[in-house]
Amino acid sequence: MKHNRSREVRFTKHAREKFEVVKHYGFEIHEKEVAKTIQDPARVDQKGTQYFAIKAIDAKYALRVVYEERKDYLLVITFYPVRRKRYGV
């Protein structure tokens, strides 16, 4: 995987809609946090062409971001809060 710190991050329609969905459940997540999770993750897993970056957002929860590499940018497919304990973060 190429170094992600300087690559542009773009969002699918689903990912853009997800900001309101997670807000409904009490998580105020912003584009900057999603990008930071990709650029400086605690851990990254891969399944096929998709990457799963994870980074703590508070003492109990972490943000998990599913994305793909494209030629000139990174495309966020979706993201969601998870319990840190489950992922060992």
PDB file of N, CA and C in Angstrom:
ATOM      1  N   MET A   1       0.849  -1.179   0.000  1.00  0.00           N
ATOM      2  CA  MET A   1       0.000   0.000   0.000  1.00  0.00           C
ATOM      3  C   MET A   1       0.892   1.240   0.000  1.00  0.00           C
ATOM      4  N   LYS A   2       0.527   2.204  -0.779  1.00  0.00           N
ATOM      5  CA  LYS A   2       1.283   3.447  -0.873  1.00  0.00           C
ATOM      6  C   LYS A   2       1.074   4.284   0.383  1.00  0.00           C
ATOM      7  N   HIS A   3       2.007   5.180   0.602  1.00  0.00           N
ATOM      8  CA  HIS A   3       1.917   6.085   1.749  1.00  0.00           C
ATOM      9  C   HIS A   3       0.690   6.988   1.590  1.00  0.00           C
ATOM     10  N   ASN A   4      -0.189   7.009   2.583  1.00  0.00           N
ATOM     11  CA  ASN A   4      -1.482   7.690   2.468  1.00  0.00           C
ATOM     12  C   ASN A   4      -1.521   9.119   3.006  1.00  0.00           C
ATOM     13  N   ARG A   5      -0.461   9.620   3.544  1.00  0.00           N
ATOM     14  CA  ARG A   5      -0.513  10.924   4.205  1.00  0.00           C
ATOM     15  C   ARG A   5      -0.836  12.078   3.260  1.00  0.00           C
ATOM     16  N   SER A   6      -0.435  11.990   2.010  1.00  0.00           N
ATOM     17  CA  SER A   6      -0.640  13.125   1.115  1.00  0.00           C
ATOM     18  C   SER A   6      -1.682  12.857   0.026  1.00  0.00           C
ATOM     19  N   ARG A   7      -2.335  11.725   0.073  1.00  0.00           N
ATOM     20  CA  ARG A   7      -3.301  11.395  -0.974  1.00  0.00           C
ATOM     21  C   ARG A   7      -4.659  12.010  -0.668  1.00  0.00           C
ATOM     22  N   GLU A   8      -5.321  12.454  -1.715  1.00  0.00           N
ATOM     23  CA  GLU A   8      -6.656  13.031  -1.570  1.00  0.00           C
ATOM     24  C   GLU A   8      -7.632  11.948  -1.111  1.00  0.00           C
ATOM     25  N   VAL A   9      -8.533  12.312  -0.223  1.00  0.00           N
ATOM     26  CA  VAL A   9      -9.560  11.391   0.261  1.00  0.00           C
ATOM     27  C   VAL A   9     -10.900  11.844  -0.304  1.00  0.00           C
ATOM     28  N   ARG A  10     -11.597  10.937  -0.983  1.00  0.00           N
ATOM     29  CA  ARG A  10     -12.926  11.218  -1.527  1.00  0.00           C
ATOM     30  C   ARG A  10     -13.927  10.265  -0.883  1.00  0.00           C
ATOM     31  N   PHE A  11     -15.204  10.623  -0.955  1.00  0.00           N
ATOM     32  CA  PHE A  11     -16.255   9.853  -0.305  1.00  0.00           C
ATOM     33  C   PHE A  11     -17.313   9.396  -1.306  1.00  0.00           C
ATOM     34  N   THR A  12     -17.769   8.150  -1.170  1.00  0.00           N
ATOM     35  CA  THR A  12     -18.902   7.687  -1.973  1.00  0.00           C
ATOM     36  C   THR A  12     -20.160   8.371  -1.450  1.00  0.00           C
ATOM     37  N   LYS A  13     -21.226   8.288  -2.200  1.00  0.00           N
ATOM     38  CA  LYS A  13     -22.509   8.848  -1.766  1.00  0.00           C
ATOM     39  C   LYS A  13     -22.925   8.213  -0.437  1.00  0.00           C
ATOM     40  N   HIS A  14     -22.762   6.900  -0.336  1.00  0.00           N
ATOM     41  CA  HIS A  14     -23.113   6.192   0.900  1.00  0.00           C
ATOM     42  C   HIS A  14     -22.310   6.740   2.083  1.00  0.00           C
ATOM     43  N   ALA A  15     -21.009   6.920   1.887  1.00  0.00           N
ATOM     44  CA  ALA A  15     -20.164   7.424   2.967  1.00  0.00           C
ATOM     45  C   ALA A  15     -20.589   8.832   3.384  1.00  0.00           C
ATOM     46  N   ARG A  16     -20.929   9.673   2.434  1.00  0.00           N
ATOM     47  CA  ARG A  16     -21.393  11.034   2.767  1.00  0.00           C
ATOM     48  C   ARG A  16     -22.680  10.988   3.595  1.00  0.00           C
ATOM     49  N   GLU A  17     -23.579  10.083   3.238  1.00  0.00           N
ATOM     50  CA  GLU A  17     -24.840   9.941   3.977  1.00  0.00           C
ATOM     51  C   GLU A  17     -24.609   9.370   5.372  1.00  0.00           C
ATOM     52  N   LYS A  18     -23.534   8.657   5.548  1.00  0.00           N
ATOM     53  CA  LYS A  18     -23.248   7.990   6.822  1.00  0.00           C
ATOM     54  C   LYS A  18     -22.996   8.986   7.957  1.00  0.00           C
ATOM     55  N   PHE A  19     -22.531  10.191   7.637  1.00  0.00           N
ATOM     56  CA  PHE A  19     -22.293  11.193   8.682  1.00  0.00           C
ATOM     57  C   PHE A  19     -23.571  11.465   9.474  1.00  0.00           C
ATOM     58  N   GLU A  20     -24.697  11.590   8.792  1.00  0.00           N
ATOM     59  CA  GLU A  20     -25.976  11.832   9.473  1.00  0.00           C
ATOM     60  C   GLU A  20     -26.455  10.597  10.226  1.00  0.00           C
ATOM     61  N   VAL A  21     -26.210   9.427   9.670  1.00  0.00           N
ATOM     62  CA  VAL A  21     -26.637   8.174  10.320  1.00  0.00           C
ATOM     63  C   VAL A  21     -25.935   8.007  11.664  1.00  0.00           C
ATOM     64  N   VAL A  22     -24.616   8.164  11.688  1.00  0.00           N
ATOM     65  CA  VAL A  22     -23.894   7.976  12.950  1.00  0.00           C
ATOM     66  C   VAL A  22     -24.211   9.099  13.935  1.00  0.00           C
ATOM     67  N   LYS A  23     -24.523  10.277  13.428  1.00  0.00           N
ATOM     68  CA  LYS A  23     -24.917  11.390  14.301  1.00  0.00           C
ATOM     69  C   LYS A  23     -26.207  11.039  15.047  1.00  0.00           C
ATOM     70  N   HIS A  24     -27.112  10.374  14.352  1.00  0.00           N
ATOM     71  CA  HIS A  24     -28.377   9.928  14.954  1.00  0.00           C
ATOM     72  C   HIS A  24     -28.124   9.014  16.159  1.00  0.00           C
ATOM     73  N   TYR A  25     -27.019   8.276  16.117  1.00  0.00           N
ATOM     74  CA  TYR A  25     -26.673   7.360  17.209  1.00  0.00           C
ATOM     75  C   TYR A  25     -25.723   7.985  18.223  1.00  0.00           C
ATOM     76  N   GLY A  26     -25.527   9.293  18.132  1.00  0.00           N
ATOM     77  CA  GLY A  26     -24.742  10.005  19.129  1.00  0.00           C
ATOM     78  C   GLY A  26     -23.262  10.155  18.825  1.00  0.00           C
ATOM     79  N   PHE A  27     -22.846   9.885  17.599  1.00  0.00           N
ATOM     80  CA  PHE A  27     -21.442  10.024  17.217  1.00  0.00           C
ATOM     81  C   PHE A  27     -21.290  11.188  16.245  1.00  0.00           C
ATOM     82  N   GLU A  28     -20.563  12.200  16.674  1.00  0.00           N
ATOM     83  CA  GLU A  28     -20.317  13.381  15.840  1.00  0.00           C
ATOM     84  C   GLU A  28     -18.987  13.157  15.114  1.00  0.00           C
ATOM     85  N   ILE A  29     -19.055  12.608  13.923  1.00  0.00           N
ATOM     86  CA  ILE A  29     -17.871  12.296  13.124  1.00  0.00           C
ATOM     87  C   ILE A  29     -17.802  13.286  11.960  1.00  0.00           C
ATOM     88  N   HIS A  30     -16.600  13.772  11.665  1.00  0.00           N
ATOM     89  CA  HIS A  30     -16.401  14.731  10.581  1.00  0.00           C
ATOM     90  C   HIS A  30     -15.441  14.156   9.539  1.00  0.00           C
ATOM     91  N   GLU A  31     -15.470  14.724   8.344  1.00  0.00           N
ATOM     92  CA  GLU A  31     -14.599  14.267   7.258  1.00  0.00           C
ATOM     93  C   GLU A  31     -13.137  14.243   7.683  1.00  0.00           C
ATOM     94  N   LYS A  32     -12.737  15.250   8.438  1.00  0.00           N
ATOM     95  CA  LYS A  32     -11.346  15.348   8.878  1.00  0.00           C
ATOM     96  C   LYS A  32     -10.949  14.136   9.735  1.00  0.00           C
ATOM     97  N   GLU A  33     -11.869  13.669  10.600  1.00  0.00           N
ATOM     98  CA  GLU A  33     -11.577  12.495  11.435  1.00  0.00           C
ATOM     99  C   GLU A  33     -11.448  11.232  10.597  1.00  0.00           C
ATOM    100  N   VAL A  34     -12.295  11.110   9.578  1.00  0.00           N
ATOM    101  CA  VAL A  34     -12.235   9.950   8.691  1.00  0.00           C
ATOM    102  C   VAL A  34     -10.898   9.955   7.948  1.00  0.00           C
ATOM    103  N   ALA A  35     -10.513  11.105   7.416  1.00  0.00           N
ATOM    104  CA  ALA A  35      -9.241  11.219   6.696  1.00  0.00           C
ATOM    105  C   ALA A  35      -8.063  10.925   7.622  1.00  0.00           C
ATOM    106  N   LYS A  36      -8.120  11.420   8.850  1.00  0.00           N
ATOM    107  CA  LYS A  36      -7.032  11.194   9.806  1.00  0.00           C
ATOM    108  C   LYS A  36      -6.913   9.710  10.159  1.00  0.00           C
ATOM    109  N   THR A  37      -8.042   9.019  10.217  1.00  0.00           N
ATOM    110  CA  THR A  37      -8.019   7.584  10.498  1.00  0.00           C
ATOM    111  C   THR A  37      -7.290   6.840   9.385  1.00  0.00           C
ATOM    112  N   ILE A  38      -7.504   7.251   8.149  1.00  0.00           N
ATOM    113  CA  ILE A  38      -6.816   6.626   7.014  1.00  0.00           C
ATOM    114  C   ILE A  38      -5.335   7.000   7.008  1.00  0.00           C
ATOM    115  N   GLN A  39      -5.032   8.251   7.296  1.00  0.00           N
ATOM    116  CA  GLN A  39      -3.662   8.751   7.210  1.00  0.00           C
ATOM    117  C   GLN A  39      -2.780   8.322   8.371  1.00  0.00           C
ATOM    118  N   ASP A  40      -3.371   8.108   9.538  1.00  0.00           N
ATOM    119  CA  ASP A  40      -2.586   7.748  10.722  1.00  0.00           C
ATOM    120  C   ASP A  40      -3.351   6.726  11.567  1.00  0.00           C
ATOM    121  N   PRO A  41      -3.581   5.531  11.035  1.00  0.00           N
ATOM    122  CA  PRO A  41      -4.385   4.530  11.742  1.00  0.00           C
ATOM    123  C   PRO A  41      -3.598   3.819  12.839  1.00  0.00           C
ATOM    124  N   ALA A  42      -4.320   3.274  13.806  1.00  0.00           N
ATOM    125  CA  ALA A  42      -3.700   2.412  14.806  1.00  0.00           C
ATOM    126  C   ALA A  42      -3.430   1.046  14.179  1.00  0.00           C
ATOM    127  N   ARG A  43      -4.276   0.681  13.216  1.00  0.00           N
ATOM    128  CA  ARG A  43      -4.152  -0.615  12.544  1.00  0.00           C
ATOM    129  C   ARG A  43      -4.855  -0.550  11.195  1.00  0.00           C
ATOM    130  N   VAL A  44      -4.345  -1.309  10.222  1.00  0.00           N
ATOM    131  CA  VAL A  44      -4.996  -1.432   8.918  1.00  0.00           C
ATOM    132  C   VAL A  44      -5.045  -2.906   8.546  1.00  0.00           C
ATOM    133  N   ASP A  45      -6.232  -3.375   8.207  1.00  0.00           N
ATOM    134  CA  ASP A  45      -6.420  -4.734   7.710  1.00  0.00           C
ATOM    135  C   ASP A  45      -6.808  -4.624   6.245  1.00  0.00           C
ATOM    136  N   GLN A  46      -6.629  -5.719   5.515  1.00  0.00           N
ATOM    137  CA  GLN A  46      -6.991  -5.711   4.100  1.00  0.00           C
ATOM    138  C   GLN A  46      -7.749  -6.982   3.757  1.00  0.00           C
ATOM    139  N   LYS A  47      -8.791  -6.810   2.937  1.00  0.00           N
ATOM    140  CA  LYS A  47      -9.550  -7.937   2.411  1.00  0.00           C
ATOM    141  C   LYS A  47      -9.809  -7.621   0.943  1.00  0.00           C
ATOM    142  N   GLY A  48      -9.149  -8.346   0.063  1.00  0.00           N
ATOM    143  CA  GLY A  48      -9.269  -8.059  -1.363  1.00  0.00           C
ATOM    144  C   GLY A  48      -8.713  -6.686  -1.664  1.00  0.00           C
ATOM    145  N   THR A  49      -9.511  -5.855  -2.313  1.00  0.00           N
ATOM    146  CA  THR A  49      -9.067  -4.503  -2.683  1.00  0.00           C
ATOM    147  C   THR A  49      -9.439  -3.453  -1.641  1.00  0.00           C
ATOM    148  N   GLN A  50     -10.097  -3.888  -0.562  1.00  0.00           N
ATOM    149  CA  GLN A  50     -10.532  -2.927   0.456  1.00  0.00           C
ATOM    150  C   GLN A  50      -9.610  -2.945   1.671  1.00  0.00           C
ATOM    151  N   TYR A  51      -9.402  -1.750   2.213  1.00  0.00           N
ATOM    152  CA  TYR A  51      -8.610  -1.576   3.422  1.00  0.00           C
ATOM    153  C   TYR A  51      -9.544  -1.162   4.550  1.00  0.00           C
ATOM    154  N   PHE A  52      -9.208  -1.600   5.761  1.00  0.00           N
ATOM    155  CA  PHE A  52      -9.999  -1.310   6.954  1.00  0.00           C
ATOM    156  C   PHE A  52      -9.073  -0.631   7.962  1.00  0.00           C
ATOM    157  N   ALA A  53      -9.140   0.693   8.020  1.00  0.00           N
ATOM    158  CA  ALA A  53      -8.313   1.460   8.954  1.00  0.00           C
ATOM    159  C   ALA A  53      -9.107   1.694  10.231  1.00  0.00           C
ATOM    160  N   ILE A  54      -8.413   1.653  11.357  1.00  0.00           N
ATOM    161  CA  ILE A  54      -9.091   1.865  12.632  1.00  0.00           C
ATOM    162  C   ILE A  54      -8.235   2.758  13.518  1.00  0.00           C
ATOM    163  N   LYS A  55      -8.920   3.657  14.252  1.00  0.00           N
ATOM    164  CA  LYS A  55      -8.238   4.588  15.154  1.00  0.00           C
ATOM    165  C   LYS A  55      -9.197   4.947  16.287  1.00  0.00           C
ATOM    166  N   ALA A  56      -8.672   5.031  17.489  1.00  0.00           N
ATOM    167  CA  ALA A  56      -9.486   5.376  18.653  1.00  0.00           C
ATOM    168  C   ALA A  56     -10.059   6.782  18.519  1.00  0.00           C
ATOM    169  N   ILE A  57     -11.345   6.934  18.933  1.00  0.00           N
ATOM    170  CA  ILE A  57     -11.948   8.273  18.951  1.00  0.00           C
ATOM    171  C   ILE A  57     -12.257   8.730  20.374  1.00  0.00           C
ATOM    172  N   ASP A  58     -12.329   7.786  21.299  1.00  0.00           N
ATOM    173  CA  ASP A  58     -12.453   8.108  22.719  1.00  0.00           C
ATOM    174  C   ASP A  58     -12.058   6.863  23.514  1.00  0.00           C
ATOM    175  N   ALA A  59     -12.298   6.871  24.825  1.00  0.00           N
ATOM    176  CA  ALA A  59     -11.861   5.759  25.670  1.00  0.00           C
ATOM    177  C   ALA A  59     -12.573   4.443  25.354  1.00  0.00           C
ATOM    178  N   LYS A  60     -13.780   4.518  24.823  1.00  0.00           N
ATOM    179  CA  LYS A  60     -14.575   3.315  24.582  1.00  0.00           C
ATOM    180  C   LYS A  60     -14.688   2.928  23.106  1.00  0.00           C
ATOM    181  N   TYR A  61     -14.653   3.911  22.216  1.00  0.00           N
ATOM    182  CA  TYR A  61     -14.920   3.646  20.798  1.00  0.00           C
ATOM    183  C   TYR A  61     -13.752   4.008  19.881  1.00  0.00           C
ATOM    184  N   ALA A  62     -13.745   3.333  18.737  1.00  0.00           N
ATOM    185  CA  ALA A  62     -12.790   3.621  17.666  1.00  0.00           C
ATOM    186  C   ALA A  62     -13.591   3.837  16.391  1.00  0.00           C
ATOM    187  N   LEU A  63     -12.963   4.457  15.421  1.00  0.00           N
ATOM    188  CA  LEU A  63     -13.593   4.669  14.125  1.00  0.00           C
ATOM    189  C   LEU A  63     -12.969   3.685  13.144  1.00  0.00           C
ATOM    190  N   ARG A  64     -13.791   2.931  12.455  1.00  0.00           N
ATOM    191  CA  ARG A  64     -13.326   1.981  11.439  1.00  0.00           C
ATOM    192  C   ARG A  64     -13.753   2.524  10.079  1.00  0.00           C
ATOM    193  N   VAL A  65     -12.789   2.668   9.191  1.00  0.00           N
ATOM    194  CA  VAL A  65     -13.024   3.251   7.871  1.00  0.00           C
ATOM    195  C   VAL A  65     -12.680   2.222   6.798  1.00  0.00           C
ATOM    196  N   VAL A  66     -13.635   1.969   5.919  1.00  0.00           N
ATOM    197  CA  VAL A  66     -13.429   1.053   4.799  1.00  0.00           C
ATOM    198  C   VAL A  66     -13.160   1.908   3.564  1.00  0.00           C
ATOM    199  N   TYR A  67     -12.027   1.653   2.910  1.00  0.00           N
ATOM    200  CA  TYR A  67     -11.685   2.456   1.735  1.00  0.00           C
ATOM    201  C   TYR A  67     -10.937   1.626   0.705  1.00  0.00           C
ATOM    202  N   GLU A  68     -10.855   2.179  -0.491  1.00  0.00           N
ATOM    203  CA  GLU A  68     -10.121   1.555  -1.591  1.00  0.00           C
ATOM    204  C   GLU A  68      -9.133   2.561  -2.160  1.00  0.00           C
ATOM    205  N   GLU A  69      -8.039   2.044  -2.686  1.00  0.00           N
ATOM    206  CA  GLU A  69      -7.072   2.905  -3.367  1.00  0.00           C
ATOM    207  C   GLU A  69      -7.462   3.032  -4.828  1.00  0.00           C
ATOM    208  N   ARG A  70      -7.483   4.229  -5.307  1.00  0.00           N
ATOM    209  CA  ARG A  70      -7.676   4.504  -6.727  1.00  0.00           C
ATOM    210  C   ARG A  70      -6.365   5.093  -7.227  1.00  0.00           C
ATOM    211  N   LYS A  71      -6.262   5.324  -8.502  1.00  0.00           N
ATOM    212  CA  LYS A  71      -4.987   5.786  -9.059  1.00  0.00           C
ATOM    213  C   LYS A  71      -4.455   7.046  -8.368  1.00  0.00           C
ATOM    214  N   ASP A  72      -5.302   8.058  -8.228  1.00  0.00           N
ATOM    215  CA  ASP A  72      -4.839   9.342  -7.696  1.00  0.00           C
ATOM    216  C   ASP A  72      -5.452   9.738  -6.362  1.00  0.00           C
ATOM    217  N   TYR A  73      -6.259   8.871  -5.775  1.00  0.00           N
ATOM    218  CA  TYR A  73      -6.932   9.235  -4.526  1.00  0.00           C
ATOM    219  C   TYR A  73      -7.366   7.983  -3.763  1.00  0.00           C
ATOM    220  N   LEU A  74      -7.862   8.199  -2.560  1.00  0.00           N
ATOM    221  CA  LEU A  74      -8.415   7.133  -1.728  1.00  0.00           C
ATOM    222  C   LEU A  74      -9.922   7.344  -1.657  1.00  0.00           C
ATOM    223  N   LEU A  75     -10.685   6.288  -1.854  1.00  0.00           N
ATOM    224  CA  LEU A  75     -12.143   6.391  -1.876  1.00  0.00           C
ATOM    225  C   LEU A  75     -12.731   5.722  -0.639  1.00  0.00           C
ATOM    226  N   VAL A  76     -13.373   6.524   0.221  1.00  0.00           N
ATOM    227  CA  VAL A  76     -14.024   5.993   1.417  1.00  0.00           C
ATOM    228  C   VAL A  76     -15.344   5.363   1.001  1.00  0.00           C
ATOM    229  N   ILE A  77     -15.495   4.089   1.315  1.00  0.00           N
ATOM    230  CA  ILE A  77     -16.707   3.346   1.004  1.00  0.00           C
ATOM    231  C   ILE A  77     -17.730   3.541   2.121  1.00  0.00           C
ATOM    232  N   THR A  78     -17.272   3.381   3.354  1.00  0.00           N
ATOM    233  CA  THR A  78     -18.128   3.566   4.525  1.00  0.00           C
ATOM    234  C   THR A  78     -17.244   3.731   5.754  1.00  0.00           C
ATOM    235  N   PHE A  79     -17.844   4.056   6.864  1.00  0.00           N
ATOM    236  CA  PHE A  79     -17.148   4.133   8.150  1.00  0.00           C
ATOM    237  C   PHE A  79     -18.174   3.921   9.242  1.00  0.00           C
ATOM    238  N   TYR A  80     -17.694   3.499  10.402  1.00  0.00           N
ATOM    239  CA  TYR A  80     -18.612   3.266  11.507  1.00  0.00           C
ATOM    240  C   TYR A  80     -17.834   3.176  12.815  1.00  0.00           C
ATOM    241  N   PRO A  81     -18.472   3.595  13.910  1.00  0.00           N
ATOM    242  CA  PRO A  81     -17.837   3.462  15.215  1.00  0.00           C
ATOM    243  C   PRO A  81     -17.924   2.011  15.678  1.00  0.00           C
ATOM    244  N   VAL A  82     -16.859   1.554  16.343  1.00  0.00           N
ATOM    245  CA  VAL A  82     -16.811   0.197  16.894  1.00  0.00           C
ATOM    246  C   VAL A  82     -16.255   0.279  18.309  1.00  0.00           C
ATOM    247  N   ARG A  83     -16.517  -0.748  19.078  1.00  0.00           N
ATOM    248  CA  ARG A  83     -15.939  -0.796  20.425  1.00  0.00           C
ATOM    249  C   ARG A  83     -14.450  -1.113  20.308  1.00  0.00           C
ATOM    250  N   ARG A  84     -13.634  -0.326  20.971  1.00  0.00           N
ATOM    251  CA  ARG A  84     -12.182  -0.505  20.917  1.00  0.00           C
ATOM    252  C   ARG A  84     -11.783  -1.895  21.379  1.00  0.00           C
ATOM    253  N   LYS A  85     -12.452  -2.363  22.404  1.00  0.00           N
ATOM    254  CA  LYS A  85     -12.124  -3.664  22.991  1.00  0.00           C
ATOM    255  C   LYS A  85     -12.214  -4.782  21.946  1.00  0.00           C
ATOM    256  N   ARG A  86     -13.208  -4.712  21.085  1.00  0.00           N
ATOM    257  CA  ARG A  86     -13.410  -5.756  20.069  1.00  0.00           C
ATOM    258  C   ARG A  86     -12.238  -5.837  19.087  1.00  0.00           C
ATOM    259  N   TYR A  87     -11.621  -4.697  18.791  1.00  0.00           N
ATOM    260  CA  TYR A  87     -10.537  -4.651  17.810  1.00  0.00           C
ATOM    261  C   TYR A  87      -9.156  -4.474  18.445  1.00  0.00           C
ATOM    262  N   GLY A  88      -9.104  -4.458  19.758  1.00  0.00           N
ATOM    263  CA  GLY A  88      -7.826  -4.355  20.451  1.00  0.00           C
ATOM    264  C   GLY A  88      -7.086  -3.051  20.203  1.00  0.00           C
ATOM    265  N   VAL A  89      -7.846  -1.970  20.100  1.00  0.00           N
ATOM    266  CA  VAL A  89      -7.240  -0.653  19.841  1.00  0.00           C
ATOM    267  C   VAL A  89      -7.301   0.196  21.093  1.00  0.00           C
TER     268      VAL A  89
END
